[in-house]
Amino acid sequence: MTDPGDFFDTVAARYDRVFAPSYRDTARDLAAITERLCPGALVVDAGCGTGRAFPHLCARGARVVALDTSSSMLRAAGARASAPSVARVRCDLARRWPLRDGVADALVALHAVFAHPIGDPWALLRHVGAEIARVVRHGGLVAIDLPEPSFARASLTSLGGDWYRHVEPDGATIDAFVPEPSRALEALGLPLALAPCAHGVRASGVTSRALRSPSSRR
């Protein structure tokens, strides 16, 4: 299994050029989220990458805590993080996040950032769901992009089962876990709805600890 941190450290300098959508496409992609934010809202950008969401969140007056495991991606995000309302934090999303319970008004996780686990992928999804339920306040907004198997089959190399691989021309390699979105949402254990988005399927809705389902067992 490849280390996703190594991959993103390698491609950080070219990520926006090769992988990321344009500013306009990002604005359109985030419109359903940003239009619901109030000035001063605290938004967690989980797996922020190069920070493509920052300008759109800040334009709504939001404060952003940006989490990523790759120091190179966080450095690249610095170009979009000049506003004092953006705090970049390096952390392992598979461990407890460095945030207080109920501190966030909203959370976004764009471009299928949880598709590259090290270890048990279902355990990662259960952990992520538990952390989201912990750090986002009751009634807070959540939007998580999930990869779609038909895209993976068409664009990536199958490794069997729900696993796929992408290899860059320079040999940088990353593996992706791409189950059916409904199964991923079940593992997350959050009361979210699925709908198509630019990068697969988006699970979105508001948090409710009382409604959070028990963790799925795989």
N, C-alpha and C. Protein backbone atom coordinates (compact mmCIF):
# COMPACT_ATOMS: atom_id res chain seq x y z
N MET A 1 0.84 -1.20 0.00
CA MET A 1 0.00 0.00 0.00
C MET A 1 0.88 1.24 0.00
N THR A 2 0.55 2.20 -0.85
CA THR A 2 1.34 3.42 -0.94
C THR A 2 1.00 4.37 0.20
N ASP A 3 1.93 5.26 0.53
CA ASP A 3 1.72 6.27 1.57
C ASP A 3 1.17 7.53 0.91
N PRO A 4 -0.09 7.90 1.18
CA PRO A 4 -0.65 9.08 0.53
C PRO A 4 0.09 10.36 0.87
N GLY A 5 0.68 10.43 2.06
CA GLY A 5 1.45 11.62 2.42
C GLY A 5 2.63 11.83 1.50
N ASP A 6 3.32 10.74 1.15
CA ASP A 6 4.44 10.84 0.23
C ASP A 6 3.97 11.33 -1.14
N PHE A 7 2.83 10.80 -1.59
CA PHE A 7 2.31 11.22 -2.90
C PHE A 7 2.01 12.71 -2.93
N PHE A 8 1.27 13.19 -1.93
CA PHE A 8 0.87 14.60 -1.95
C PHE A 8 2.06 15.53 -1.70
N ASP A 9 3.04 15.08 -0.94
CA ASP A 9 4.26 15.87 -0.82
C ASP A 9 4.95 16.01 -2.18
N THR A 10 4.92 14.94 -2.98
CA THR A 10 5.58 14.94 -4.28
C THR A 10 4.86 15.84 -5.28
N VAL A 11 3.53 15.82 -5.28
CA VAL A 11 2.78 16.54 -6.33
C VAL A 11 2.30 17.92 -5.89
N ALA A 12 2.62 18.34 -4.67
CA ALA A 12 2.07 19.60 -4.15
C ALA A 12 2.32 20.78 -5.08
N ALA A 13 3.53 20.88 -5.62
CA ALA A 13 3.88 22.05 -6.44
C ALA A 13 3.08 22.11 -7.73
N ARG A 14 2.61 20.96 -8.23
CA ARG A 14 1.86 20.94 -9.48
C ARG A 14 0.39 20.57 -9.29
N TYR A 15 -0.02 20.43 -8.04
CA TYR A 15 -1.37 19.92 -7.77
C TYR A 15 -2.45 20.77 -8.43
N ASP A 16 -2.39 22.09 -8.23
CA ASP A 16 -3.42 22.95 -8.79
C ASP A 16 -3.47 22.86 -10.30
N ARG A 17 -2.33 22.77 -10.93
CA ARG A 17 -2.27 22.74 -12.39
C ARG A 17 -2.80 21.42 -12.95
N VAL A 18 -2.54 20.33 -12.26
CA VAL A 18 -2.84 19.00 -12.79
C VAL A 18 -4.18 18.45 -12.30
N PHE A 19 -4.50 18.68 -11.03
CA PHE A 19 -5.63 18.01 -10.41
C PHE A 19 -6.81 18.93 -10.06
N ALA A 20 -6.53 20.11 -9.60
CA ALA A 20 -7.58 20.94 -8.98
C ALA A 20 -8.43 21.64 -10.03
N PRO A 21 -9.73 21.82 -9.74
CA PRO A 21 -10.59 22.60 -10.63
C PRO A 21 -10.25 24.08 -10.57
N SER A 22 -10.78 24.83 -11.52
CA SER A 22 -10.52 26.26 -11.59
C SER A 22 -11.21 27.00 -10.45
N TYR A 23 -10.82 28.27 -10.29
CA TYR A 23 -11.45 29.13 -9.28
C TYR A 23 -12.96 29.20 -9.50
N ARG A 24 -13.36 29.39 -10.75
CA ARG A 24 -14.79 29.51 -11.06
C ARG A 24 -15.53 28.21 -10.77
N ASP A 25 -14.93 27.08 -11.18
CA ASP A 25 -15.58 25.80 -10.92
C ASP A 25 -15.66 25.51 -9.42
N THR A 26 -14.63 25.92 -8.68
CA THR A 26 -14.66 25.73 -7.23
C THR A 26 -15.76 26.56 -6.59
N ALA A 27 -15.91 27.80 -7.06
CA ALA A 27 -16.98 28.66 -6.53
C ALA A 27 -18.34 28.04 -6.78
N ARG A 28 -18.53 27.52 -7.98
CA ARG A 28 -19.80 26.88 -8.31
C ARG A 28 -20.01 25.62 -7.47
N ASP A 29 -18.94 24.86 -7.28
CA ASP A 29 -19.00 23.62 -6.50
C ASP A 29 -19.36 23.89 -5.05
N LEU A 30 -18.89 25.02 -4.51
CA LEU A 30 -19.09 25.33 -3.09
C LEU A 30 -20.32 26.20 -2.82
N ALA A 31 -21.01 26.63 -3.87
CA ALA A 31 -22.08 27.61 -3.69
C ALA A 31 -23.14 27.14 -2.70
N ALA A 32 -23.54 25.88 -2.77
CA ALA A 32 -24.58 25.39 -1.88
C ALA A 32 -24.14 25.40 -0.42
N ILE A 33 -22.82 25.40 -0.21
CA ILE A 33 -22.29 25.45 1.15
C ILE A 33 -22.11 26.89 1.60
N THR A 34 -21.41 27.69 0.79
CA THR A 34 -21.07 29.04 1.22
C THR A 34 -22.30 29.92 1.42
N GLU A 35 -23.34 29.70 0.64
CA GLU A 35 -24.52 30.55 0.77
C GLU A 35 -25.24 30.33 2.10
N ARG A 36 -24.89 29.25 2.80
CA ARG A 36 -25.52 28.95 4.09
C ARG A 36 -24.66 29.35 5.28
N LEU A 37 -23.48 29.91 5.00
CA LEU A 37 -22.58 30.31 6.09
C LEU A 37 -22.89 31.72 6.57
N CYS A 38 -22.83 31.91 7.87
CA CYS A 38 -22.99 33.25 8.44
C CYS A 38 -21.61 33.85 8.69
N PRO A 39 -21.48 35.16 8.62
CA PRO A 39 -20.19 35.79 8.94
C PRO A 39 -19.71 35.36 10.32
N GLY A 40 -18.43 35.04 10.40
CA GLY A 40 -17.86 34.60 11.67
C GLY A 40 -17.95 33.11 11.92
N ALA A 41 -18.63 32.37 11.04
CA ALA A 41 -18.74 30.93 11.22
C ALA A 41 -17.36 30.29 11.19
N LEU A 42 -17.13 29.28 12.02
CA LEU A 42 -15.88 28.53 12.02
C LEU A 42 -16.06 27.28 11.18
N VAL A 43 -15.28 27.19 10.11
CA VAL A 43 -15.38 26.08 9.17
C VAL A 43 -14.09 25.26 9.23
N VAL A 44 -14.22 23.96 9.41
CA VAL A 44 -13.09 23.04 9.33
C VAL A 44 -12.99 22.55 7.88
N ASP A 45 -11.83 22.76 7.27
CA ASP A 45 -11.55 22.25 5.93
C ASP A 45 -10.64 21.03 6.10
N ALA A 46 -11.23 19.84 6.13
CA ALA A 46 -10.50 18.61 6.41
C ALA A 46 -9.86 18.09 5.13
N GLY A 47 -8.54 17.92 5.16
CA GLY A 47 -7.83 17.56 3.94
C GLY A 47 -7.82 18.73 2.98
N CYS A 48 -7.38 19.88 3.46
CA CYS A 48 -7.53 21.15 2.71
C CYS A 48 -6.69 21.20 1.45
N GLY A 49 -5.64 20.38 1.36
CA GLY A 49 -4.78 20.43 0.18
C GLY A 49 -4.15 21.78 -0.02
N THR A 50 -4.26 22.32 -1.23
CA THR A 50 -3.67 23.62 -1.55
C THR A 50 -4.59 24.79 -1.21
N GLY A 51 -5.67 24.51 -0.51
CA GLY A 51 -6.52 25.59 -0.01
C GLY A 51 -7.46 26.19 -1.02
N ARG A 52 -7.91 25.40 -1.99
CA ARG A 52 -8.76 25.99 -3.03
C ARG A 52 -10.09 26.51 -2.48
N ALA A 53 -10.50 26.01 -1.31
CA ALA A 53 -11.77 26.49 -0.74
C ALA A 53 -11.61 27.79 0.04
N PHE A 54 -10.38 28.13 0.44
CA PHE A 54 -10.18 29.27 1.33
C PHE A 54 -10.82 30.57 0.84
N PRO A 55 -10.53 31.01 -0.40
CA PRO A 55 -11.06 32.31 -0.82
C PRO A 55 -12.58 32.37 -0.78
N HIS A 56 -13.24 31.27 -1.08
CA HIS A 56 -14.69 31.25 -1.14
C HIS A 56 -15.31 31.23 0.25
N LEU A 57 -14.66 30.54 1.17
CA LEU A 57 -15.14 30.53 2.56
C LEU A 57 -14.90 31.89 3.21
N CYS A 58 -13.71 32.45 2.99
CA CYS A 58 -13.38 33.75 3.59
C CYS A 58 -14.24 34.87 3.03
N ALA A 59 -14.63 34.75 1.76
CA ALA A 59 -15.48 35.78 1.15
C ALA A 59 -16.84 35.87 1.84
N ARG A 60 -17.23 34.81 2.51
CA ARG A 60 -18.47 34.82 3.27
C ARG A 60 -18.26 35.23 4.72
N GLY A 61 -17.02 35.63 5.06
CA GLY A 61 -16.72 36.05 6.42
C GLY A 61 -16.45 34.91 7.36
N ALA A 62 -16.20 33.70 6.82
CA ALA A 62 -15.94 32.54 7.68
C ALA A 62 -14.51 32.55 8.18
N ARG A 63 -14.32 31.96 9.34
CA ARG A 63 -12.99 31.63 9.85
C ARG A 63 -12.73 30.17 9.51
N VAL A 64 -11.50 29.86 9.09
CA VAL A 64 -11.21 28.52 8.58
C VAL A 64 -10.08 27.89 9.38
N VAL A 65 -10.30 26.66 9.82
CA VAL A 65 -9.22 25.83 10.35
C VAL A 65 -8.98 24.74 9.32
N ALA A 66 -7.80 24.77 8.70
CA ALA A 66 -7.48 23.88 7.59
C ALA A 66 -6.56 22.77 8.07
N LEU A 67 -7.00 21.53 7.92
CA LEU A 67 -6.25 20.37 8.38
C LEU A 67 -5.73 19.58 7.18
N ASP A 68 -4.47 19.16 7.25
CA ASP A 68 -3.94 18.29 6.21
C ASP A 68 -2.75 17.53 6.77
N THR A 69 -2.53 16.34 6.24
CA THR A 69 -1.41 15.52 6.69
C THR A 69 -0.11 15.85 5.98
N SER A 70 -0.19 16.55 4.83
CA SER A 70 0.99 16.83 4.02
C SER A 70 1.51 18.23 4.29
N SER A 71 2.73 18.33 4.79
CA SER A 71 3.32 19.64 5.05
C SER A 71 3.55 20.40 3.75
N SER A 72 3.84 19.70 2.66
CA SER A 72 4.06 20.36 1.38
C SER A 72 2.76 20.97 0.85
N MET A 73 1.66 20.27 1.01
CA MET A 73 0.37 20.82 0.58
C MET A 73 0.00 22.03 1.44
N LEU A 74 0.26 21.95 2.73
CA LEU A 74 -0.04 23.10 3.60
C LEU A 74 0.81 24.31 3.23
N ARG A 75 2.07 24.08 2.87
CA ARG A 75 2.90 25.20 2.42
C ARG A 75 2.34 25.80 1.14
N ALA A 76 1.93 24.95 0.21
CA ALA A 76 1.34 25.44 -1.02
C ALA A 76 0.06 26.22 -0.74
N ALA A 77 -0.69 25.78 0.27
CA ALA A 77 -1.92 26.48 0.64
C ALA A 77 -1.66 27.86 1.21
N GLY A 78 -0.41 28.11 1.62
CA GLY A 78 -0.08 29.42 2.18
C GLY A 78 -0.35 30.56 1.23
N ALA A 79 -0.29 30.29 -0.08
CA ALA A 79 -0.58 31.34 -1.06
C ALA A 79 -2.02 31.81 -0.98
N ARG A 80 -2.90 30.97 -0.43
CA ARG A 80 -4.32 31.33 -0.31
C ARG A 80 -4.70 31.59 1.14
N ALA A 81 -3.73 31.61 2.03
CA ALA A 81 -4.03 31.70 3.46
C ALA A 81 -3.50 32.98 4.08
N SER A 82 -3.43 34.04 3.29
CA SER A 82 -2.89 35.29 3.83
C SER A 82 -3.84 35.93 4.83
N ALA A 83 -5.14 35.62 4.72
CA ALA A 83 -6.11 36.20 5.64
C ALA A 83 -5.87 35.67 7.05
N PRO A 84 -5.93 36.53 8.06
CA PRO A 84 -5.74 36.06 9.43
C PRO A 84 -6.83 35.09 9.88
N SER A 85 -7.90 35.00 9.10
CA SER A 85 -9.00 34.11 9.46
C SER A 85 -8.75 32.66 9.06
N VAL A 86 -7.58 32.36 8.45
CA VAL A 86 -7.25 30.99 8.06
C VAL A 86 -6.09 30.48 8.91
N ALA A 87 -6.31 29.36 9.58
CA ALA A 87 -5.26 28.70 10.36
C ALA A 87 -5.00 27.34 9.74
N ARG A 88 -3.74 27.09 9.34
CA ARG A 88 -3.36 25.80 8.75
C ARG A 88 -2.72 24.92 9.83
N VAL A 89 -3.18 23.68 9.91
CA VAL A 89 -2.71 22.76 10.95
C VAL A 89 -2.37 21.42 10.31
N ARG A 90 -1.14 20.97 10.52
CA ARG A 90 -0.79 19.64 10.05
C ARG A 90 -1.24 18.62 11.08
N CYS A 91 -1.99 17.62 10.63
CA CYS A 91 -2.42 16.57 11.54
C CYS A 91 -2.76 15.31 10.76
N ASP A 92 -2.71 14.19 11.44
CA ASP A 92 -3.09 12.91 10.88
C ASP A 92 -4.59 12.77 11.07
N LEU A 93 -5.35 12.77 9.98
CA LEU A 93 -6.80 12.71 10.08
C LEU A 93 -7.30 11.36 10.57
N ALA A 94 -6.40 10.37 10.61
CA ALA A 94 -6.77 9.06 11.15
C ALA A 94 -6.62 8.99 12.66
N ARG A 95 -6.16 10.08 13.27
CA ARG A 95 -6.06 10.17 14.73
C ARG A 95 -6.99 11.28 15.23
N ARG A 96 -7.04 11.47 16.53
CA ARG A 96 -7.91 12.50 17.09
C ARG A 96 -7.48 13.86 16.55
N TRP A 97 -8.46 14.64 16.07
CA TRP A 97 -8.16 15.94 15.50
C TRP A 97 -7.92 16.96 16.61
N PRO A 98 -7.02 17.92 16.41
CA PRO A 98 -6.67 18.88 17.46
C PRO A 98 -7.69 20.02 17.58
N LEU A 99 -8.93 19.63 17.82
CA LEU A 99 -10.04 20.58 17.91
C LEU A 99 -10.93 20.23 19.09
N ARG A 100 -11.52 21.25 19.70
CA ARG A 100 -12.41 21.03 20.83
C ARG A 100 -13.76 20.47 20.37
N ASP A 101 -14.44 19.81 21.27
CA ASP A 101 -15.77 19.29 20.98
C ASP A 101 -16.71 20.44 20.63
N GLY A 102 -17.49 20.27 19.56
CA GLY A 102 -18.52 21.22 19.20
C GLY A 102 -18.03 22.59 18.78
N VAL A 103 -16.76 22.73 18.41
CA VAL A 103 -16.20 24.04 18.13
C VAL A 103 -16.58 24.58 16.76
N ALA A 104 -16.89 23.70 15.80
CA ALA A 104 -17.08 24.11 14.41
C ALA A 104 -18.55 24.29 14.06
N ASP A 105 -18.79 25.29 13.24
CA ASP A 105 -20.14 25.51 12.70
C ASP A 105 -20.37 24.72 11.43
N ALA A 106 -19.29 24.35 10.75
CA ALA A 106 -19.41 23.62 9.49
C ALA A 106 -18.11 22.87 9.23
N LEU A 107 -18.20 21.85 8.39
CA LEU A 107 -17.02 21.11 7.95
C LEU A 107 -17.17 20.76 6.49
N VAL A 108 -16.08 20.97 5.74
CA VAL A 108 -16.04 20.52 4.36
C VAL A 108 -14.85 19.58 4.19
N ALA A 109 -15.04 18.55 3.37
CA ALA A 109 -13.97 17.61 3.02
C ALA A 109 -14.13 17.35 1.53
N LEU A 110 -13.35 18.07 0.73
CA LEU A 110 -13.56 18.10 -0.71
C LEU A 110 -12.67 17.11 -1.43
N HIS A 111 -13.06 16.78 -2.65
CA HIS A 111 -12.22 16.01 -3.58
C HIS A 111 -11.83 14.65 -2.99
N ALA A 112 -12.77 14.01 -2.29
CA ALA A 112 -12.60 12.63 -1.82
C ALA A 112 -11.32 12.43 -1.01
N VAL A 113 -11.07 13.32 -0.05
CA VAL A 113 -9.80 13.28 0.69
C VAL A 113 -9.68 12.05 1.59
N PHE A 114 -10.79 11.39 1.90
CA PHE A 114 -10.72 10.22 2.77
C PHE A 114 -10.63 8.91 1.98
N ALA A 115 -10.31 9.00 0.69
CA ALA A 115 -10.23 7.81 -0.16
C ALA A 115 -8.86 7.15 -0.14
N HIS A 116 -7.93 7.69 0.66
CA HIS A 116 -6.55 7.19 0.62
C HIS A 116 -6.08 6.77 2.01
N PRO A 117 -6.69 5.74 2.57
CA PRO A 117 -6.33 5.32 3.94
C PRO A 117 -5.03 4.54 3.99
N ILE A 118 -4.39 4.57 5.15
CA ILE A 118 -3.33 3.63 5.47
C ILE A 118 -3.91 2.68 6.51
N GLY A 119 -4.02 1.42 6.16
CA GLY A 119 -4.64 0.47 7.07
C GLY A 119 -6.09 0.21 6.69
N ASP A 120 -6.91 -0.13 7.66
CA ASP A 120 -8.30 -0.53 7.43
C ASP A 120 -9.13 0.67 6.95
N PRO A 121 -9.62 0.65 5.72
CA PRO A 121 -10.36 1.82 5.22
C PRO A 121 -11.68 2.05 5.94
N TRP A 122 -12.33 0.95 6.37
CA TRP A 122 -13.59 1.12 7.09
C TRP A 122 -13.36 1.73 8.47
N ALA A 123 -12.24 1.38 9.09
CA ALA A 123 -11.90 1.98 10.38
C ALA A 123 -11.66 3.47 10.22
N LEU A 124 -11.02 3.88 9.12
CA LEU A 124 -10.82 5.31 8.88
C LEU A 124 -12.15 6.03 8.75
N LEU A 125 -13.08 5.47 7.96
CA LEU A 125 -14.37 6.12 7.77
C LEU A 125 -15.13 6.22 9.09
N ARG A 126 -15.10 5.16 9.90
CA ARG A 126 -15.77 5.22 11.21
C ARG A 126 -15.14 6.30 12.09
N HIS A 127 -13.81 6.37 12.07
CA HIS A 127 -13.10 7.37 12.87
C HIS A 127 -13.45 8.78 12.40
N VAL A 128 -13.44 8.99 11.10
CA VAL A 128 -13.76 10.32 10.56
C VAL A 128 -15.18 10.72 10.94
N GLY A 129 -16.11 9.79 10.81
CA GLY A 129 -17.49 10.11 11.20
C GLY A 129 -17.59 10.49 12.67
N ALA A 130 -16.87 9.77 13.52
CA ALA A 130 -16.90 10.07 14.96
C ALA A 130 -16.27 11.43 15.25
N GLU A 131 -15.18 11.76 14.55
CA GLU A 131 -14.54 13.06 14.77
C GLU A 131 -15.42 14.21 14.28
N ILE A 132 -16.08 14.01 13.15
CA ILE A 132 -17.00 15.05 12.66
C ILE A 132 -18.13 15.27 13.65
N ALA A 133 -18.71 14.18 14.14
CA ALA A 133 -19.78 14.30 15.13
C ALA A 133 -19.30 14.98 16.40
N ARG A 134 -18.02 14.81 16.71
CA ARG A 134 -17.46 15.40 17.94
C ARG A 134 -17.19 16.89 17.77
N VAL A 135 -16.58 17.31 16.64
CA VAL A 135 -16.09 18.68 16.55
C VAL A 135 -17.11 19.65 15.96
N VAL A 136 -18.09 19.15 15.20
CA VAL A 136 -19.11 20.04 14.61
C VAL A 136 -20.29 20.13 15.56
N ARG A 137 -20.70 21.34 15.83
CA ARG A 137 -21.79 21.55 16.79
C ARG A 137 -23.09 20.92 16.28
N HIS A 138 -24.01 20.69 17.20
CA HIS A 138 -25.33 20.20 16.84
C HIS A 138 -25.98 21.16 15.84
N GLY A 139 -26.44 20.63 14.72
CA GLY A 139 -27.04 21.47 13.69
C GLY A 139 -26.05 22.11 12.74
N GLY A 140 -24.76 21.76 12.86
CA GLY A 140 -23.76 22.32 11.97
C GLY A 140 -23.81 21.68 10.59
N LEU A 141 -23.27 22.39 9.62
CA LEU A 141 -23.30 21.96 8.22
C LEU A 141 -22.11 21.07 7.92
N VAL A 142 -22.33 19.96 7.21
CA VAL A 142 -21.27 19.04 6.81
C VAL A 142 -21.41 18.73 5.33
N ALA A 143 -20.28 18.74 4.61
CA ALA A 143 -20.26 18.35 3.20
C ALA A 143 -18.99 17.55 2.94
N ILE A 144 -19.14 16.31 2.53
CA ILE A 144 -18.02 15.40 2.32
C ILE A 144 -18.12 14.82 0.92
N ASP A 145 -17.09 15.00 0.11
CA ASP A 145 -17.06 14.39 -1.22
C ASP A 145 -16.60 12.94 -1.12
N LEU A 146 -17.34 12.05 -1.76
CA LEU A 146 -17.01 10.63 -1.79
C LEU A 146 -16.73 10.23 -3.24
N PRO A 147 -15.70 9.41 -3.47
CA PRO A 147 -15.41 9.00 -4.84
C PRO A 147 -16.48 8.06 -5.38
N GLU A 148 -16.59 7.99 -6.69
CA GLU A 148 -17.62 7.21 -7.33
C GLU A 148 -16.97 6.06 -8.12
N PRO A 149 -17.40 4.82 -7.91
CA PRO A 149 -16.73 3.69 -8.55
C PRO A 149 -16.67 3.75 -10.07
N SER A 150 -17.68 4.29 -10.73
CA SER A 150 -17.63 4.33 -12.20
C SER A 150 -16.49 5.22 -12.68
N PHE A 151 -16.24 6.33 -11.98
CA PHE A 151 -15.09 7.18 -12.33
C PHE A 151 -13.79 6.44 -12.08
N ALA A 152 -13.69 5.73 -10.95
CA ALA A 152 -12.47 4.99 -10.65
C ALA A 152 -12.20 3.92 -11.70
N ARG A 153 -13.24 3.21 -12.11
CA ARG A 153 -13.06 2.16 -13.12
C ARG A 153 -12.58 2.74 -14.45
N ALA A 154 -13.05 3.95 -14.77
CA ALA A 154 -12.71 4.56 -16.05
C ALA A 154 -11.35 5.26 -16.04
N SER A 155 -10.90 5.71 -14.87
CA SER A 155 -9.73 6.58 -14.81
C SER A 155 -8.53 6.00 -14.09
N LEU A 156 -8.73 4.96 -13.28
CA LEU A 156 -7.66 4.41 -12.46
C LEU A 156 -7.43 2.94 -12.79
N THR A 157 -6.35 2.40 -12.29
CA THR A 157 -6.04 0.99 -12.46
C THR A 157 -6.64 0.18 -11.32
N SER A 158 -7.43 -0.82 -11.65
CA SER A 158 -8.06 -1.63 -10.62
C SER A 158 -7.03 -2.53 -9.94
N LEU A 159 -7.09 -2.58 -8.62
CA LEU A 159 -6.26 -3.49 -7.83
C LEU A 159 -7.07 -4.65 -7.28
N GLY A 160 -8.35 -4.69 -7.64
CA GLY A 160 -9.25 -5.72 -7.13
C GLY A 160 -10.12 -5.19 -6.01
N GLY A 161 -11.34 -5.67 -5.95
CA GLY A 161 -12.26 -5.21 -4.92
C GLY A 161 -12.57 -3.73 -5.09
N ASP A 162 -12.50 -2.98 -3.99
CA ASP A 162 -12.78 -1.54 -4.02
C ASP A 162 -11.52 -0.70 -4.14
N TRP A 163 -10.39 -1.30 -4.48
CA TRP A 163 -9.11 -0.59 -4.50
C TRP A 163 -8.67 -0.28 -5.92
N TYR A 164 -8.10 0.93 -6.08
CA TYR A 164 -7.62 1.40 -7.37
C TYR A 164 -6.28 2.12 -7.17
N ARG A 165 -5.55 2.32 -8.28
CA ARG A 165 -4.25 2.98 -8.19
C ARG A 165 -4.11 4.03 -9.29
N HIS A 166 -3.52 5.17 -8.90
CA HIS A 166 -3.15 6.21 -9.86
C HIS A 166 -1.63 6.36 -9.85
N VAL A 167 -1.02 6.42 -11.03
CA VAL A 167 0.42 6.59 -11.15
C VAL A 167 0.71 7.80 -12.03
N GLU A 168 1.49 8.74 -11.49
CA GLU A 168 1.90 9.92 -12.22
C GLU A 168 3.04 9.58 -13.19
N PRO A 169 3.27 10.42 -14.21
CA PRO A 169 4.38 10.16 -15.15
C PRO A 169 5.74 10.02 -14.49
N ASP A 170 5.95 10.70 -13.34
CA ASP A 170 7.24 10.59 -12.66
C ASP A 170 7.28 9.41 -11.69
N GLY A 171 6.23 8.59 -11.68
CA GLY A 171 6.20 7.41 -10.84
C GLY A 171 5.52 7.59 -9.50
N ALA A 172 5.16 8.81 -9.14
CA ALA A 172 4.43 9.02 -7.89
C ALA A 172 3.11 8.25 -7.94
N THR A 173 2.86 7.50 -6.89
CA THR A 173 1.74 6.54 -6.89
C THR A 173 0.87 6.73 -5.67
N ILE A 174 -0.45 6.61 -5.89
CA ILE A 174 -1.38 6.67 -4.76
C ILE A 174 -2.50 5.66 -4.98
N ASP A 175 -2.88 4.98 -3.92
CA ASP A 175 -3.98 4.02 -3.96
C ASP A 175 -5.25 4.68 -3.43
N ALA A 176 -6.38 4.27 -3.99
CA ALA A 176 -7.66 4.83 -3.59
C ALA A 176 -8.64 3.72 -3.25
N PHE A 177 -9.37 3.92 -2.16
CA PHE A 177 -10.42 3.00 -1.74
C PHE A 177 -11.75 3.60 -2.16
N VAL A 178 -12.45 2.93 -3.07
CA VAL A 178 -13.64 3.53 -3.69
C VAL A 178 -14.82 2.55 -3.62
N PRO A 179 -15.45 2.43 -2.46
CA PRO A 179 -16.66 1.62 -2.36
C PRO A 179 -17.86 2.40 -2.89
N GLU A 180 -18.99 1.75 -2.97
CA GLU A 180 -20.21 2.49 -3.31
C GLU A 180 -20.43 3.58 -2.27
N PRO A 181 -20.79 4.79 -2.68
CA PRO A 181 -20.96 5.89 -1.73
C PRO A 181 -21.93 5.58 -0.59
N SER A 182 -22.96 4.81 -0.86
CA SER A 182 -23.91 4.49 0.21
C SER A 182 -23.25 3.67 1.31
N ARG A 183 -22.31 2.80 0.94
CA ARG A 183 -21.59 2.01 1.94
C ARG A 183 -20.63 2.90 2.74
N ALA A 184 -19.97 3.83 2.05
CA ALA A 184 -19.08 4.75 2.75
C ALA A 184 -19.87 5.62 3.73
N LEU A 185 -21.04 6.08 3.29
CA LEU A 185 -21.87 6.91 4.17
C LEU A 185 -22.34 6.12 5.37
N GLU A 186 -22.69 4.86 5.18
CA GLU A 186 -23.10 4.02 6.30
C GLU A 186 -21.97 3.91 7.33
N ALA A 187 -20.74 3.75 6.83
CA ALA A 187 -19.59 3.65 7.75
C ALA A 187 -19.35 4.96 8.48
N LEU A 188 -19.53 6.08 7.80
CA LEU A 188 -19.37 7.38 8.46
C LEU A 188 -20.36 7.54 9.61
N GLY A 189 -21.55 6.98 9.44
CA GLY A 189 -22.53 7.01 10.52
C GLY A 189 -23.13 8.37 10.78
N LEU A 190 -23.21 9.20 9.75
CA LEU A 190 -23.76 10.55 9.90
C LEU A 190 -25.06 10.68 9.11
N PRO A 191 -26.01 11.47 9.60
CA PRO A 191 -27.32 11.60 8.93
C PRO A 191 -27.23 12.56 7.75
N LEU A 192 -26.53 12.16 6.70
CA LEU A 192 -26.31 12.99 5.52
C LEU A 192 -27.02 12.40 4.32
N ALA A 193 -27.26 13.24 3.32
CA ALA A 193 -27.89 12.80 2.08
C ALA A 193 -26.87 12.81 0.95
N LEU A 194 -27.00 11.89 0.01
CA LEU A 194 -26.09 11.78 -1.12
C LEU A 194 -26.67 12.45 -2.35
N ALA A 195 -25.80 13.16 -3.08
CA ALA A 195 -26.20 13.79 -4.34
C ALA A 195 -24.96 13.91 -5.22
N PRO A 196 -25.11 13.88 -6.55
CA PRO A 196 -23.95 14.02 -7.43
C PRO A 196 -23.25 15.36 -7.24
N CYS A 197 -21.92 15.35 -7.40
CA CYS A 197 -21.14 16.59 -7.35
C CYS A 197 -20.03 16.49 -8.39
N ALA A 198 -19.19 17.50 -8.47
CA ALA A 198 -18.18 17.58 -9.53
C ALA A 198 -17.17 16.45 -9.45
N HIS A 199 -16.94 15.90 -8.27
CA HIS A 199 -15.88 14.90 -8.09
C HIS A 199 -16.42 13.54 -7.64
N GLY A 200 -17.68 13.27 -7.94
CA GLY A 200 -18.26 12.00 -7.57
C GLY A 200 -19.62 12.19 -6.93
N VAL A 201 -19.69 11.95 -5.61
CA VAL A 201 -20.94 12.09 -4.87
C VAL A 201 -20.64 12.87 -3.60
N ARG A 202 -21.53 13.79 -3.25
CA ARG A 202 -21.35 14.57 -2.03
C ARG A 202 -22.37 14.13 -0.99
N ALA A 203 -21.87 13.85 0.20
CA ALA A 203 -22.72 13.58 1.35
C ALA A 203 -22.82 14.87 2.14
N SER A 204 -24.02 15.40 2.30
CA SER A 204 -24.17 16.68 2.97
C SER A 204 -25.42 16.70 3.82
N GLY A 205 -25.43 17.62 4.77
CA GLY A 205 -26.56 17.79 5.66
C GLY A 205 -26.12 18.48 6.93
N VAL A 206 -26.91 18.37 7.97
CA VAL A 206 -26.57 18.97 9.25
C VAL A 206 -26.35 17.87 10.27
N THR A 207 -25.46 18.15 11.23
CA THR A 207 -25.13 17.15 12.24
C THR A 207 -26.21 17.10 13.31
N SER A 208 -26.38 15.92 13.85
CA SER A 208 -27.28 15.71 14.97
C SER A 208 -26.75 14.52 15.75
N ARG A 209 -26.14 14.79 16.88
CA ARG A 209 -25.57 13.68 17.65
C ARG A 209 -26.64 12.67 18.05
N ALA A 210 -27.86 13.17 18.26
CA ALA A 210 -28.93 12.26 18.64
C ALA A 210 -29.29 11.30 17.50
N LEU A 211 -29.06 11.74 16.24
CA LEU A 211 -29.42 10.93 15.10
C LEU A 211 -28.27 10.09 14.59
N ARG A 212 -27.06 10.32 15.10
CA ARG A 212 -25.91 9.61 14.56
C ARG A 212 -26.07 8.11 14.80
N SER A 213 -25.94 7.34 13.72
CA SER A 213 -26.14 5.90 13.82
C SER A 213 -24.91 5.23 14.42
N PRO A 214 -25.08 4.02 14.94
CA PRO A 214 -23.91 3.28 15.46
C PRO A 214 -22.90 3.03 14.37
N SER A 215 -21.64 2.93 14.73
CA SER A 215 -20.59 2.68 13.74
C SER A 215 -20.84 1.36 13.04
N SER A 216 -20.65 1.38 11.73
CA SER A 216 -20.82 0.17 10.94
C SER A 216 -19.67 -0.79 11.22
N ARG A 217 -19.94 -2.05 11.14
CA ARG A 217 -18.91 -3.07 11.35
C ARG A 217 -18.64 -3.75 10.01
N ARG A 218 -17.37 -3.82 9.66
CA ARG A 218 -17.00 -4.44 8.39
C ARG A 218 -16.05 -5.58 8.65
